[in-house]
N, C-alpha and C. Protein backbone atom coordinates (compact mmCIF):
# COMPACT_ATOMS: atom_id res chain seq x y z
N UNK A 1 147.92 99.89 114.69
CA UNK A 1 145.90 99.61 114.47
C UNK A 1 145.61 99.44 113.39
N UNK A 2 146.20 99.53 111.82
CA UNK A 2 145.95 98.99 110.78
C UNK A 2 146.55 97.44 110.82
N UNK A 3 145.29 96.86 110.13
CA UNK A 3 145.26 95.76 110.22
C UNK A 3 146.65 94.94 108.82
N UNK A 4 147.08 94.23 108.97
CA UNK A 4 148.41 94.05 107.69
C UNK A 4 147.35 93.19 106.81
N UNK A 5 146.31 93.13 107.17
CA UNK A 5 145.60 92.55 105.58
C UNK A 5 145.17 93.29 104.76
N UNK A 6 145.23 94.55 104.93
CA UNK A 6 144.32 95.61 104.21
C UNK A 6 145.29 95.87 103.34
N UNK A 7 146.49 96.07 103.11
CA UNK A 7 147.14 96.35 101.43
C UNK A 7 146.83 94.67 100.87
N UNK A 8 146.92 93.37 101.21
CA UNK A 8 146.34 92.40 100.57
C UNK A 8 145.09 92.89 100.12
N UNK A 9 144.07 93.48 101.00
CA UNK A 9 142.43 93.44 100.70
C UNK A 9 142.63 94.85 99.65
N UNK A 10 143.42 95.68 99.37
CA UNK A 10 143.81 96.64 98.42
C UNK A 10 143.82 96.11 97.04
N UNK A 11 144.78 95.38 97.73
CA UNK A 11 145.80 94.89 95.94
C UNK A 11 144.60 94.11 95.32
N UNK A 12 144.03 93.32 96.02
CA UNK A 12 142.91 91.99 95.89
C UNK A 12 141.42 92.92 95.02
N UNK A 13 141.12 94.37 95.28
CA UNK A 13 139.71 94.72 94.80
C UNK A 13 140.52 95.25 93.81
N UNK A 14 141.94 95.61 93.95
CA UNK A 14 142.40 96.40 92.12
C UNK A 14 142.60 95.52 91.25
N UNK A 15 142.95 94.48 91.30
CA UNK A 15 143.70 92.97 90.58
C UNK A 15 142.67 92.08 90.40
N UNK A 16 141.57 91.88 91.17
CA UNK A 16 140.58 90.30 90.80
C UNK A 16 139.98 90.70 89.97
N UNK A 17 138.69 92.04 90.29
CA UNK A 17 137.67 92.54 89.09
C UNK A 17 137.97 92.59 87.82
N UNK A 18 139.11 93.71 87.63
CA UNK A 18 139.32 93.56 85.89
C UNK A 18 140.08 92.18 85.50
N UNK A 19 140.25 91.53 86.24
CA UNK A 19 140.88 89.99 85.62
C UNK A 19 139.61 89.15 85.18
N UNK A 20 138.65 89.43 86.45
CA UNK A 20 137.07 88.66 86.05
C UNK A 20 136.55 89.19 84.90
N UNK A 21 136.42 90.32 85.04
CA UNK A 21 135.97 90.75 84.21
C UNK A 21 136.55 90.53 82.57
N UNK A 22 137.41 90.86 82.39
CA UNK A 22 138.34 90.08 81.21
C UNK A 22 137.95 88.90 81.16
N UNK A 23 138.26 87.75 82.18
CA UNK A 23 137.24 86.35 81.81
C UNK A 23 136.29 86.60 81.32
N UNK A 24 135.57 87.11 81.83
CA UNK A 24 133.80 86.71 81.20
C UNK A 24 133.81 87.44 79.88
N UNK A 25 134.49 88.68 79.67
CA UNK A 25 134.28 88.94 78.61
C UNK A 25 134.82 88.30 77.28
N UNK A 26 135.71 87.36 77.54
CA UNK A 26 136.18 86.59 76.38
C UNK A 26 135.11 85.40 76.84
N UNK A 27 134.80 85.07 77.38
CA UNK A 27 133.80 83.52 77.46
C UNK A 27 132.88 84.12 76.53
N UNK A 28 132.13 85.10 76.66
CA UNK A 28 131.13 85.92 76.10
C UNK A 28 131.25 86.52 74.34
N UNK A 29 132.61 86.45 74.23
CA UNK A 29 133.16 86.75 72.83
C UNK A 29 133.53 88.33 72.74
N UNK A 30 133.05 88.99 73.77
CA UNK A 30 133.20 90.72 73.41
C UNK A 30 135.37 90.88 74.08
N UNK A 31 135.77 90.63 72.86
CA UNK A 31 137.14 91.34 73.02
C UNK A 31 137.66 92.46 73.40
N UNK A 32 136.62 93.63 72.76
CA UNK A 32 137.45 94.93 72.63
C UNK A 32 136.94 94.91 74.76
N UNK A 33 135.85 94.50 75.48
CA UNK A 33 135.69 94.76 76.37
C UNK A 33 136.80 93.99 77.46
N UNK A 34 137.08 92.89 76.98
CA UNK A 34 138.54 92.19 77.84
C UNK A 34 139.95 92.42 77.42
N UNK A 35 139.96 93.33 76.68
CA UNK A 35 140.92 94.28 76.30
C UNK A 35 141.70 95.07 76.97
N UNK A 36 139.82 95.87 77.23
CA UNK A 36 139.94 96.86 78.37
C UNK A 36 140.43 96.90 79.24
N UNK A 37 139.17 95.75 80.08
CA UNK A 37 139.89 94.98 81.75
C UNK A 37 141.02 94.70 82.16
N UNK A 38 141.59 94.05 80.76
CA UNK A 38 143.15 93.93 81.45
C UNK A 38 143.73 94.63 80.95
N UNK A 39 143.66 95.79 80.24
CA UNK A 39 144.73 96.98 80.83
C UNK A 39 144.29 97.52 81.78
N UNK A 40 143.12 97.84 82.36
CA UNK A 40 143.11 97.93 83.62
C UNK A 40 143.77 96.98 84.50
N UNK A 41 143.74 96.31 84.77
CA UNK A 41 144.45 95.02 85.69
C UNK A 41 145.99 95.40 85.29
N UNK A 42 146.28 95.46 84.22
CA UNK A 42 148.09 95.62 83.90
C UNK A 42 148.43 96.96 84.75
N UNK A 43 147.55 97.67 84.60
CA UNK A 43 148.00 99.15 84.81
C UNK A 43 148.03 98.97 86.53
N UNK A 44 146.94 98.70 86.69
CA UNK A 44 147.18 98.91 88.47
C UNK A 44 148.19 97.95 88.94
N UNK A 45 148.68 96.87 88.62
CA UNK A 45 149.88 95.94 88.33
C UNK A 45 151.15 96.76 88.49
N UNK A 46 150.77 97.35 87.35
CA UNK A 46 152.52 98.15 87.73
C UNK A 46 152.12 99.34 87.99
N UNK A 47 151.32 99.95 88.84
CA UNK A 47 151.04 100.88 89.55
C UNK A 47 151.55 100.36 91.34
N UNK A 48 151.31 99.65 91.61
CA UNK A 48 151.04 98.89 92.60
C UNK A 48 152.66 98.61 92.72
N UNK A 49 152.99 98.11 92.27
CA UNK A 49 154.95 97.40 91.98
C UNK A 49 155.65 99.00 91.72
N UNK A 50 155.38 99.53 90.91
CA UNK A 50 156.24 100.45 91.06
C UNK A 50 155.80 101.45 92.34
N UNK A 51 154.90 102.38 92.81
CA UNK A 51 154.57 102.67 94.47
C UNK A 51 154.96 102.01 95.29
N UNK A 52 154.78 100.43 95.32
CA UNK A 52 155.56 99.94 96.90
C UNK A 52 156.91 99.89 96.75
N UNK A 53 157.79 99.62 95.61
CA UNK A 53 159.02 99.94 95.74
C UNK A 53 159.97 101.22 95.70
N UNK A 54 159.00 102.37 95.35
CA UNK A 54 159.30 103.60 96.06
C UNK A 54 159.34 103.82 97.08
N UNK A 55 158.09 103.59 97.57
CA UNK A 55 157.65 103.29 99.47
C UNK A 55 158.54 102.46 100.27
N UNK A 56 159.17 101.32 99.44
CA UNK A 56 159.99 100.19 100.17
C UNK A 56 161.16 100.83 100.59
N UNK A 57 161.86 101.36 99.34
CA UNK A 57 163.43 102.50 99.26
C UNK A 57 163.28 103.70 100.23
N UNK A 58 162.06 104.31 100.24
CA UNK A 58 161.83 105.79 100.92
C UNK A 58 161.85 105.25 102.25
N UNK A 59 161.26 104.07 102.67
CA UNK A 59 161.16 103.78 104.32
C UNK A 59 161.99 103.19 104.73
N UNK A 60 162.57 102.82 104.06
CA UNK A 60 163.63 102.59 104.31
C UNK A 60 164.44 100.83 104.40
N UNK A 61 163.37 100.10 103.94
CA UNK A 61 163.54 98.52 103.97
C UNK A 61 164.59 98.40 102.72
N UNK A 62 164.85 99.05 101.94
CA UNK A 62 166.11 98.57 101.42
C UNK A 62 167.19 99.74 101.53
N UNK A 63 168.93 98.69 102.32
CA UNK A 63 169.43 99.92 101.94
C UNK A 63 169.76 100.19 100.54
N UNK A 64 171.12 101.19 100.63
CA UNK A 64 171.62 101.43 99.30
C UNK A 64 172.43 100.47 98.93
N UNK A 65 172.44 99.13 99.95
CA UNK A 65 173.95 98.77 99.75
C UNK A 65 173.42 97.58 98.89
N UNK A 66 171.97 97.23 99.05
CA UNK A 66 171.38 95.84 98.56
C UNK A 66 170.96 96.19 96.84
N UNK A 67 170.63 97.84 97.20
CA UNK A 67 170.07 98.08 95.26
C UNK A 67 170.84 97.97 94.75
N UNK A 68 172.46 98.44 95.17
CA UNK A 68 173.49 97.90 94.45
C UNK A 68 174.12 99.29 93.38
N UNK A 69 174.34 99.53 92.04
CA UNK A 69 174.66 100.49 91.40
C UNK A 69 173.36 101.16 91.00
N UNK A 70 173.89 101.92 90.84
CA UNK A 70 172.77 103.26 89.65
C UNK A 70 172.41 102.06 88.50
N UNK A 71 173.33 101.73 88.16
CA UNK A 71 173.07 101.18 86.57
C UNK A 71 171.81 99.64 87.17
N UNK A 72 172.42 99.32 88.13
CA UNK A 72 172.00 97.66 88.54
C UNK A 72 169.99 98.13 88.53
N UNK A 73 170.07 99.48 89.29
CA UNK A 73 168.40 99.88 89.84
C UNK A 73 167.85 100.13 88.54
N UNK A 74 168.25 100.84 87.67
CA UNK A 74 167.97 101.20 86.06
C UNK A 74 167.36 99.85 85.89
N UNK A 75 168.45 98.98 85.67
CA UNK A 75 168.07 97.68 84.95
C UNK A 75 166.84 97.34 85.45
N UNK A 76 166.54 97.30 86.61
CA UNK A 76 165.85 96.59 87.71
C UNK A 76 164.52 97.13 87.12
N UNK A 77 164.36 98.48 87.09
CA UNK A 77 163.49 99.14 87.24
C UNK A 77 162.64 99.48 85.76
N UNK A 78 163.69 99.18 84.72
CA UNK A 78 163.60 99.55 83.17
C UNK A 78 161.98 98.61 82.79
N UNK A 79 161.87 97.59 83.52
CA UNK A 79 160.50 96.61 82.69
C UNK A 79 159.59 97.43 82.96
N UNK A 80 159.34 97.68 84.57
CA UNK A 80 158.02 98.10 85.06
C UNK A 80 157.58 99.91 84.23
N UNK A 81 159.08 100.50 84.10
CA UNK A 81 158.92 101.90 83.59
C UNK A 81 158.58 102.12 82.19
N UNK A 82 158.51 100.90 81.39
CA UNK A 82 158.56 100.58 80.09
C UNK A 82 156.67 100.20 79.36
N UNK A 83 156.53 99.36 80.95
CA UNK A 83 155.65 98.98 80.82
C UNK A 83 154.44 100.14 81.07
N UNK A 84 154.59 101.14 82.16
CA UNK A 84 153.75 102.03 82.31
C UNK A 84 153.66 102.93 81.69
N UNK A 85 154.77 102.86 80.49
CA UNK A 85 154.56 104.04 79.32
C UNK A 85 153.94 103.53 78.28
N UNK A 86 154.24 101.93 77.79
CA UNK A 86 153.39 101.39 77.11
C UNK A 86 151.23 101.34 77.37
N UNK A 87 151.21 101.47 78.69
CA UNK A 87 149.85 101.55 79.25
C UNK A 87 149.22 103.08 79.29
N UNK A 88 150.25 103.50 79.55
CA UNK A 88 150.19 105.38 79.20
C UNK A 88 149.62 105.93 77.91
N UNK A 89 150.00 105.34 76.97
CA UNK A 89 150.27 105.57 75.77
C UNK A 89 148.73 104.95 75.36
N UNK A 90 148.57 103.68 75.48
CA UNK A 90 147.16 103.38 75.22
C UNK A 90 146.00 103.85 75.96
N UNK A 91 145.94 104.15 77.34
CA UNK A 91 144.87 104.78 77.69
C UNK A 91 144.50 105.90 77.32
N UNK A 92 145.91 106.55 76.92
CA UNK A 92 145.94 108.05 76.12
C UNK A 92 145.01 107.97 74.89
N UNK A 93 144.95 106.87 73.94
CA UNK A 93 145.07 106.68 73.03
C UNK A 93 143.00 106.41 73.40
N UNK A 94 142.82 105.68 74.01
CA UNK A 94 141.78 105.39 74.48
C UNK A 94 140.78 106.79 74.70
N UNK A 95 141.47 107.29 75.75
CA UNK A 95 141.00 108.71 76.28
C UNK A 95 140.32 109.37 74.73
N UNK A 96 141.26 109.76 74.06
CA UNK A 96 141.22 110.32 72.84
C UNK A 96 140.04 109.87 72.10
N UNK A 97 140.00 108.84 72.24
CA UNK A 97 138.95 107.72 71.56
C UNK A 97 137.38 108.64 71.69
N UNK A 98 137.34 108.43 73.11
CA UNK A 98 136.18 108.04 73.73
C UNK A 98 136.00 110.24 73.53
N UNK A 99 136.48 111.04 73.67
CA UNK A 99 136.05 112.39 73.75
C UNK A 99 136.00 112.51 72.30
N UNK A 100 136.73 112.23 71.61
CA UNK A 100 135.98 112.30 69.54
C UNK A 100 134.89 111.30 69.61
N UNK A 101 134.17 110.46 69.99
CA UNK A 101 133.08 110.44 69.98
C UNK A 101 132.19 111.16 70.62
N UNK A 102 131.84 111.15 71.67
CA UNK A 102 131.68 112.02 72.95
C UNK A 102 130.87 113.30 72.00
N UNK A 103 132.30 114.61 71.77
CA UNK A 103 131.94 115.30 70.57
C UNK A 103 130.99 114.64 69.12
N UNK A 104 131.22 114.04 68.89
CA UNK A 104 130.57 113.88 67.66
C UNK A 104 129.04 113.32 67.53
N UNK A 105 128.69 112.52 69.27
CA UNK A 105 127.24 112.34 69.85
C UNK A 105 126.73 113.39 69.88
N UNK A 106 127.59 114.30 70.59
CA UNK A 106 126.85 115.06 71.34
C UNK A 106 126.23 116.38 70.04
N UNK A 107 127.49 116.84 69.09
CA UNK A 107 127.25 117.23 68.07
C UNK A 107 125.90 116.77 67.28
N UNK A 108 126.00 115.45 66.65
CA UNK A 108 124.95 115.25 65.84
C UNK A 108 123.20 115.14 66.76
N UNK A 109 123.62 115.48 68.22
CA UNK A 109 122.43 115.34 69.02
C UNK A 109 121.77 116.81 68.96
N UNK A 110 122.99 117.63 69.25
CA UNK A 110 122.17 119.07 69.18
C UNK A 110 121.60 119.15 67.76
N UNK A 111 122.42 118.85 66.21
CA UNK A 111 122.12 119.43 64.84
C UNK A 111 120.81 119.07 65.22
N UNK A 112 120.13 117.44 65.01
CA UNK A 112 119.25 116.92 64.79
C UNK A 112 118.03 117.69 65.66
N UNK A 113 118.54 117.55 67.06
CA UNK A 113 117.18 118.06 68.11
C UNK A 113 116.79 119.69 67.48
N UNK A 114 118.02 120.38 67.24
CA UNK A 114 117.72 122.19 66.61
C UNK A 114 116.67 121.74 65.75
N UNK A 115 117.17 120.91 63.97
CA UNK A 115 116.51 121.25 63.21
C UNK A 115 114.67 120.62 63.59
N UNK A 116 114.66 119.21 64.66
CA UNK A 116 113.54 119.00 64.95
C UNK A 116 112.59 119.88 65.61
N UNK A 117 113.42 121.14 66.32
CA UNK A 117 112.60 121.80 67.43
C UNK A 117 111.34 122.44 66.24
N UNK A 118 111.33 122.64 65.30
CA UNK A 118 110.34 123.18 64.51
C UNK A 118 109.46 122.82 64.47
N UNK A 119 109.43 121.21 64.41
CA UNK A 119 108.33 120.42 64.54
C UNK A 119 107.59 120.03 65.85
N UNK A 120 105.84 120.75 65.88
CA UNK A 120 105.77 120.60 67.14
C UNK A 120 105.24 119.22 67.52
N UNK A 121 105.58 118.92 68.42
CA UNK A 121 105.24 117.59 69.18
C UNK A 121 106.41 116.49 69.12
N UNK A 122 107.64 117.11 68.21
CA UNK A 122 108.35 116.23 67.61
C UNK A 122 109.67 115.79 68.80
N UNK A 123 109.72 114.91 69.27
CA UNK A 123 111.28 114.75 70.09
C UNK A 123 111.77 113.42 70.01
N UNK A 124 113.33 113.73 70.07
CA UNK A 124 114.17 112.40 69.14
C UNK A 124 114.15 111.92 70.94
N UNK A 125 114.51 110.34 70.28
CA UNK A 125 114.49 109.73 71.45
C UNK A 125 115.94 108.63 71.59
N UNK A 126 116.14 108.36 70.56
CA UNK A 126 117.46 107.68 70.82
C UNK A 126 118.31 108.26 69.22
N UNK A 127 119.67 108.17 69.31
CA UNK A 127 120.59 108.67 68.17
C UNK A 127 121.44 107.55 68.11
N UNK A 128 121.90 106.73 66.95
CA UNK A 128 122.73 105.67 67.15
C UNK A 128 123.76 106.24 66.02
N UNK A 129 125.10 105.90 65.91
CA UNK A 129 125.80 106.28 64.80
C UNK A 129 127.07 105.43 65.10
N UNK A 130 127.32 105.15 63.30
CA UNK A 130 128.80 104.19 63.24
C UNK A 130 129.45 105.29 61.72
N UNK A 131 130.80 105.82 62.88
CA UNK A 131 131.64 106.14 61.35
C UNK A 131 132.35 105.35 60.88
N UNK A 132 132.71 105.47 59.70
CA UNK A 132 133.32 104.70 58.65
C UNK A 132 134.70 105.91 58.28
N UNK A 133 135.39 105.20 57.52
CA UNK A 133 136.55 106.94 56.70
C UNK A 133 136.22 107.47 56.35
N UNK A 134 134.88 107.33 55.17
CA UNK A 134 134.37 108.36 54.30
C UNK A 134 133.35 108.63 54.65
N UNK A 135 132.30 108.10 55.63
CA UNK A 135 130.97 108.77 55.94
C UNK A 135 130.63 108.65 56.96
N UNK A 136 129.51 108.80 57.75
CA UNK A 136 128.67 108.27 59.49
C UNK A 136 127.62 107.96 58.64
N UNK A 137 126.84 106.86 58.96
CA UNK A 137 126.04 106.51 59.24
C UNK A 137 124.95 106.51 60.32
N UNK A 138 123.67 107.59 60.60
CA UNK A 138 122.68 107.83 61.37
C UNK A 138 122.04 107.32 61.63
N UNK A 139 121.06 106.99 62.78
CA UNK A 139 119.95 106.04 63.03
C UNK A 139 118.95 107.24 64.38
N UNK A 140 118.31 107.37 63.60
CA UNK A 140 117.72 108.71 64.74
C UNK A 140 116.28 108.03 65.13
N UNK A 141 115.92 107.90 66.26
CA UNK A 141 114.75 107.57 66.71
C UNK A 141 113.69 108.34 67.15
N UNK A 142 112.60 108.52 66.47
CA UNK A 142 112.31 110.02 66.88
C UNK A 142 110.35 109.88 67.09
N UNK A 143 109.55 110.72 68.14
CA UNK A 143 108.41 110.24 68.53
C UNK A 143 108.13 111.58 67.74
N UNK A 144 106.46 111.26 67.22
CA UNK A 144 106.30 112.45 66.26
C UNK A 144 104.78 111.95 65.84
N UNK A 145 104.01 113.27 66.07
CA UNK A 145 102.56 112.91 65.42
C UNK A 145 102.38 112.46 64.35
N UNK A 146 103.48 113.59 63.47
CA UNK A 146 103.50 112.50 61.66
C UNK A 146 104.71 112.20 61.06
N UNK A 147 104.13 111.63 59.96
CA UNK A 147 105.90 111.49 58.95
C UNK A 147 106.34 112.11 59.01
N UNK A 148 107.88 112.43 59.07
CA UNK A 148 108.78 113.21 58.38
C UNK A 148 108.64 113.45 56.94
N UNK A 149 108.40 114.52 56.46
CA UNK A 149 108.86 114.70 55.16
C UNK A 149 110.74 114.12 54.43
N UNK A 150 110.46 113.88 53.66
CA UNK A 150 111.67 113.20 53.06
C UNK A 150 112.44 114.11 52.50
N UNK A 151 111.84 115.63 52.31
CA UNK A 151 112.57 117.01 52.14
C UNK A 151 113.69 117.40 53.53
N UNK A 152 112.95 117.40 54.79
CA UNK A 152 113.53 117.42 55.82
C UNK A 152 114.41 116.70 56.91
N UNK A 153 114.00 115.59 56.06
CA UNK A 153 115.26 114.57 56.46
C UNK A 153 116.71 114.69 55.74
N UNK A 154 116.44 115.09 54.69
CA UNK A 154 117.41 115.66 53.66
C UNK A 154 118.20 116.18 54.23
N UNK A 155 117.43 117.76 54.08
CA UNK A 155 117.90 119.11 54.91
C UNK A 155 118.54 118.59 56.44
N UNK A 156 118.27 117.81 57.05
CA UNK A 156 119.16 117.40 58.33
C UNK A 156 120.68 116.45 57.63
N UNK A 157 120.07 115.77 56.70
CA UNK A 157 121.34 114.76 56.68
C UNK A 157 122.30 116.17 56.08
N UNK A 158 121.77 117.11 55.11
CA UNK A 158 122.99 117.83 54.59
C UNK A 158 123.79 118.89 55.83
N UNK A 159 122.82 119.24 56.50
CA UNK A 159 123.04 120.02 57.94
C UNK A 159 124.42 119.45 58.11
N UNK A 160 124.06 117.56 58.59
CA UNK A 160 125.37 117.08 59.67
C UNK A 160 125.97 116.94 58.56
N UNK A 161 126.24 116.25 56.84
CA UNK A 161 127.22 116.25 56.59
C UNK A 161 128.01 117.64 56.72
N UNK A 162 127.69 119.00 56.16
CA UNK A 162 128.56 120.21 56.23
C UNK A 162 129.13 120.31 58.21
N UNK A 163 128.51 120.11 58.82
CA UNK A 163 129.65 120.06 60.01
C UNK A 163 130.06 119.74 60.16
N UNK A 164 130.07 118.48 59.95
CA UNK A 164 130.96 116.90 60.34
C UNK A 164 131.86 116.69 59.67
N UNK A 165 132.09 117.19 58.74
CA UNK A 165 132.86 117.65 57.82
C UNK A 165 133.46 115.58 57.02
N UNK A 166 132.27 115.16 57.04
CA UNK A 166 132.02 113.58 56.05
C UNK A 166 130.60 113.43 55.69
N UNK A 167 130.75 112.72 54.85
CA UNK A 167 129.06 112.37 54.54
C UNK A 167 127.99 111.75 55.21
N UNK A 168 127.20 112.35 55.62
CA UNK A 168 126.43 112.10 56.46
C UNK A 168 125.41 110.93 55.39
N UNK A 169 125.02 110.19 56.13
CA UNK A 169 123.80 109.16 55.82
C UNK A 169 122.37 108.95 57.05
N UNK A 170 121.52 109.65 56.75
CA UNK A 170 120.34 109.97 57.58
C UNK A 170 119.38 109.04 57.84
N UNK A 171 119.35 108.07 58.90
CA UNK A 171 117.57 107.54 58.51
C UNK A 171 116.82 107.67 60.23
N UNK A 172 116.02 108.46 59.55
CA UNK A 172 114.78 108.59 60.51
C UNK A 172 113.89 107.71 60.61
N UNK A 173 113.85 106.95 61.75
CA UNK A 173 112.61 106.46 62.72
C UNK A 173 111.70 107.00 63.48
N UNK A 174 110.59 107.40 62.59
CA UNK A 174 109.57 107.88 63.09
C UNK A 174 108.48 106.90 63.67
N UNK A 175 107.97 107.32 65.02
CA UNK A 175 106.89 106.58 65.75
C UNK A 175 106.25 107.06 66.82
C-alpha cells in the first residue's frame, strides 16, 4: 500500500536541502556553513548507502553468489565504511566544540549575572565573546540605571579570568 515513490522522496528530503544550503552558503561567502551543510549531505548519503546495502542483503535481493567472496564484499564496502568513520570523527569534533562553546557561554553568563545581581535595576542583555589561544575577549551589553564603576568591571574581569583559566578582557556596554 505504500507508494513506490516514498523512498525517493525520503532520499530527496535528506540530500537536497543540505546541498542547497551548501550552495547558498558558498554564494554568500559563509564557508563554515557550507562545510557543515556539505558534511550533513555526505553523512546522509553514506548512511543511505550503507543501510540500503544491508537491507538489500537481508531482504534477499542479493544472493551470496552475486556478492562473491568475503574479500570482494570487504573491498566493495571499504569506501563507504571509511567515509562513515571520517564523517563520524568530524561530527564528533564539531560536537565537542559546540559543547565547549556552550559551557564557556554558560559560565560567562552565570558569572556576570551573579556579580551584577547586587546592582539594583541592572540586567544583562547580551554577552558575546571571542576566544583566542591565550585570552578571551568578552562584550557584555547591560541595561542599568547608572554607569558601572570601572573598579567593579575590573573585579568581574578578574573573576572571569580566574574561573575560565585564561586572561579575560571584559568590555561592558551600559545603556
